[in-house]
């Protein structure tokens, strides 16, 4: 196989892999209702999006305990983050610290 042919094959494989990974990314929904994250524990993969949908009449946040991110959740609105790395992310509502959740992120 010539060098040019190898380059075409490598490029095709790389493009296919990238499009397959993007196509497999999911949106994982967490409902916020009655001052509770539901489900409180979710599993997701790197590249997935977590979406919190606030059905309460009051504002909430989803704030990572390690302070990497915070999402404001106005009443009747949604907020999102995209997962970038493997690990466990514990989060809470800054306004209602008894509201807690956890995201287990795998590859």
C-alpha atoms as a PDB file:
ATOM      1  CA  UNK A   1       0.000   0.000   0.000  1.00  0.00           C
ATOM      2  CA  UNK A   2       1.384   3.374  -0.962  1.00  0.00           C
ATOM      3  CA  UNK A   3       1.966   6.183   1.531  1.00  0.00           C
ATOM      4  CA  UNK A   4      -0.892   8.180  -0.025  1.00  0.00           C
ATOM      5  CA  UNK A   5      -3.265   5.214   0.328  1.00  0.00           C
ATOM      6  CA  UNK A   6      -2.250   4.739   3.959  1.00  0.00           C
ATOM      7  CA  UNK A   7      -2.948   8.416   4.622  1.00  0.00           C
ATOM      8  CA  UNK A   8      -6.425   8.133   3.067  1.00  0.00           C
ATOM      9  CA  UNK A   9      -7.216   5.039   5.148  1.00  0.00           C
ATOM     10  CA  UNK A  10      -5.929   6.657   8.365  1.00  0.00           C
ATOM     11  CA  UNK A  11      -7.921   9.837   7.691  1.00  0.00           C
ATOM     12  CA  UNK A  12     -11.083   7.845   6.953  1.00  0.00           C
ATOM     13  CA  UNK A  13     -10.721   5.822  10.152  1.00  0.00           C
ATOM     14  CA  UNK A  14     -10.110   8.975  12.214  1.00  0.00           C
ATOM     15  CA  UNK A  15     -13.155  10.722  10.731  1.00  0.00           C
ATOM     16  CA  UNK A  16     -15.343   7.652  11.270  1.00  0.00           C
ATOM     17  CA  UNK A  17     -14.186   7.337  14.880  1.00  0.00           C
ATOM     18  CA  UNK A  18     -14.845  11.004  15.603  1.00  0.00           C
ATOM     19  CA  UNK A  19     -18.318  10.911  14.052  1.00  0.00           C
ATOM     20  CA  UNK A  20     -19.174   7.658  15.856  1.00  0.00           C
ATOM     21  CA  UNK A  21     -18.143   9.132  19.220  1.00  0.00           C
ATOM     22  CA  UNK A  22     -20.161  12.288  18.608  1.00  0.00           C
ATOM     23  CA  UNK A  23     -23.161  10.263  17.474  1.00  0.00           C
ATOM     24  CA  UNK A  24     -23.015   8.149  20.631  1.00  0.00           C
ATOM     25  CA  UNK A  25     -22.996  11.128  23.005  1.00  0.00           C
ATOM     26  CA  UNK A  26     -26.207  11.351  24.991  1.00  0.00           C
ATOM     27  CA  UNK A  27     -28.150  13.871  27.011  1.00  0.00           C
ATOM     28  CA  UNK A  28     -28.753  12.634  30.555  1.00  0.00           C
ATOM     29  CA  UNK A  29     -31.702  14.430  32.133  1.00  0.00           C
ATOM     30  CA  UNK A  30     -31.971  15.250  35.820  1.00  0.00           C
ATOM     31  CA  UNK A  31     -35.310  16.654  36.970  1.00  0.00           C
ATOM     32  CA  UNK A  32     -35.398  19.285  39.709  1.00  0.00           C
ATOM     33  CA  UNK A  33     -38.721  19.124  41.516  1.00  0.00           C
ATOM     34  CA  UNK A  34     -39.845  19.637  45.110  1.00  0.00           C
ATOM     35  CA  UNK A  35     -36.280  20.625  46.110  1.00  0.00           C
ATOM     36  CA  UNK A  36     -34.799  17.311  44.908  1.00  0.00           C
ATOM     37  CA  UNK A  37     -32.477  16.279  42.051  1.00  0.00           C
ATOM     38  CA  UNK A  38     -34.031  13.193  40.440  1.00  0.00           C
ATOM     39  CA  UNK A  39     -32.334  10.894  39.857  1.00  0.00           C
ATOM     40  CA  UNK A  40     -29.760  11.966  42.426  1.00  0.00           C
ATOM     41  CA  UNK A  41     -27.173   9.514  41.071  1.00  0.00           C
ATOM     42  CA  UNK A  42     -26.523   9.285  37.337  1.00  0.00           C
ATOM     43  CA  UNK A  43     -24.000   7.494  35.152  1.00  0.00           C
ATOM     44  CA  UNK A  44     -22.711   9.026  31.944  1.00  0.00           C
ATOM     45  CA  UNK A  45     -19.768   8.986  29.540  1.00  0.00           C
ATOM     46  CA  UNK A  46     -17.173  11.575  28.566  1.00  0.00           C
ATOM     47  CA  UNK A  47     -18.806  13.717  25.865  1.00  0.00           C
ATOM     48  CA  UNK A  48     -22.334  13.268  27.238  1.00  0.00           C
ATOM     49  CA  UNK A  49     -24.364  16.249  28.379  1.00  0.00           C
ATOM     50  CA  UNK A  50     -26.093  16.509  31.733  1.00  0.00           C
ATOM     51  CA  UNK A  51     -29.290  18.556  31.550  1.00  0.00           C
ATOM     52  CA  UNK A  52     -31.070  19.732  34.681  1.00  0.00           C
ATOM     53  CA  UNK A  53     -34.706  20.742  34.152  1.00  0.00           C
ATOM     54  CA  UNK A  54     -36.117  22.887  36.958  1.00  0.00           C
ATOM     55  CA  UNK A  55     -39.841  22.252  37.476  1.00  0.00           C
ATOM     56  CA  UNK A  56     -39.855  24.094  40.825  1.00  0.00           C
ATOM     57  CA  UNK A  57     -41.263  27.602  41.321  1.00  0.00           C
ATOM     58  CA  UNK A  58     -37.927  28.714  42.813  1.00  0.00           C
ATOM     59  CA  UNK A  59     -34.400  29.019  41.443  1.00  0.00           C
ATOM     60  CA  UNK A  60     -31.749  26.377  42.100  1.00  0.00           C
ATOM     61  CA  UNK A  61     -28.155  25.761  41.097  1.00  0.00           C
ATOM     62  CA  UNK A  62     -26.199  22.650  40.252  1.00  0.00           C
ATOM     63  CA  UNK A  63     -22.745  23.450  41.623  1.00  0.00           C
ATOM     64  CA  UNK A  64     -19.813  21.034  41.547  1.00  0.00           C
ATOM     65  CA  UNK A  65     -18.424  20.553  45.049  1.00  0.00           C
ATOM     66  CA  UNK A  66     -14.905  20.906  43.608  1.00  0.00           C
ATOM     67  CA  UNK A  67     -15.955  24.320  42.202  1.00  0.00           C
ATOM     68  CA  UNK A  68     -15.235  23.383  38.562  1.00  0.00           C
ATOM     69  CA  UNK A  69     -18.635  24.594  37.362  1.00  0.00           C
ATOM     70  CA  UNK A  70     -21.986  25.967  38.471  1.00  0.00           C
ATOM     71  CA  UNK A  71     -25.220  25.993  36.491  1.00  0.00           C
ATOM     72  CA  UNK A  72     -28.006  28.449  37.346  1.00  0.00           C
ATOM     73  CA  UNK A  73     -31.458  26.867  37.105  1.00  0.00           C
ATOM     74  CA  UNK A  74     -34.201  29.466  36.916  1.00  0.00           C
ATOM     75  CA  UNK A  75     -37.784  28.287  37.558  1.00  0.00           C
ATOM     76  CA  UNK A  76     -39.160  26.461  34.515  1.00  0.00           C
ATOM     77  CA  UNK A  77     -35.769  26.522  32.749  1.00  0.00           C
ATOM     78  CA  UNK A  78     -32.985  24.047  32.007  1.00  0.00           C
ATOM     79  CA  UNK A  79     -29.215  24.180  32.300  1.00  0.00           C
ATOM     80  CA  UNK A  80     -26.509  21.945  30.816  1.00  0.00           C
ATOM     81  CA  UNK A  81     -22.892  20.923  31.048  1.00  0.00           C
ATOM     82  CA  UNK A  82     -20.855  18.647  28.812  1.00  0.00           C
ATOM     83  CA  UNK A  83     -18.727  16.068  30.578  1.00  0.00           C
ATOM     84  CA  UNK A  84     -15.030  16.398  29.756  1.00  0.00           C
ATOM     85  CA  UNK A  85     -13.231  13.803  31.915  1.00  0.00           C
ATOM     86  CA  UNK A  86     -13.604  10.517  33.752  1.00  0.00           C
ATOM     87  CA  UNK A  87     -14.407  10.621  37.466  1.00  0.00           C
ATOM     88  CA  UNK A  88     -17.127  11.204  40.011  1.00  0.00           C
ATOM     89  CA  UNK A  89     -18.642  14.657  40.289  1.00  0.00           C
ATOM     90  CA  UNK A  90     -20.574  15.475  43.434  1.00  0.00           C
ATOM     91  CA  UNK A  91     -22.789  18.550  43.220  1.00  0.00           C
ATOM     92  CA  UNK A  92     -25.344  20.494  45.252  1.00  0.00           C
ATOM     93  CA  UNK A  93     -27.677  23.482  45.132  1.00  0.00           C
ATOM     94  CA  UNK A  94     -26.056  26.609  46.568  1.00  0.00           C
ATOM     95  CA  UNK A  95     -29.461  27.911  47.693  1.00  0.00           C
ATOM     96  CA  UNK A  96     -30.554  24.583  49.234  1.00  0.00           C
ATOM     97  CA  UNK A  97     -27.402  22.692  50.337  1.00  0.00           C
ATOM     98  CA  UNK A  98     -29.443  19.633  51.330  1.00  0.00           C
ATOM     99  CA  UNK A  99     -30.094  19.101  47.583  1.00  0.00           C
ATOM    100  CA  UNK A 100     -27.242  16.882  46.394  1.00  0.00           C
ATOM    101  CA  UNK A 101     -26.412  14.703  43.420  1.00  0.00           C
ATOM    102  CA  UNK A 102     -23.574  12.737  41.911  1.00  0.00           C
ATOM    103  CA  UNK A 103     -22.450  11.976  38.367  1.00  0.00           C
ATOM    104  CA  UNK A 104     -20.286   8.931  37.641  1.00  0.00           C
ATOM    105  CA  UNK A 105     -18.388   9.602  34.407  1.00  0.00           C
ATOM    106  CA  UNK A 106     -16.711   6.802  32.441  1.00  0.00           C
ATOM    107  CA  UNK A 107     -15.109   6.683  28.986  1.00  0.00           C
END
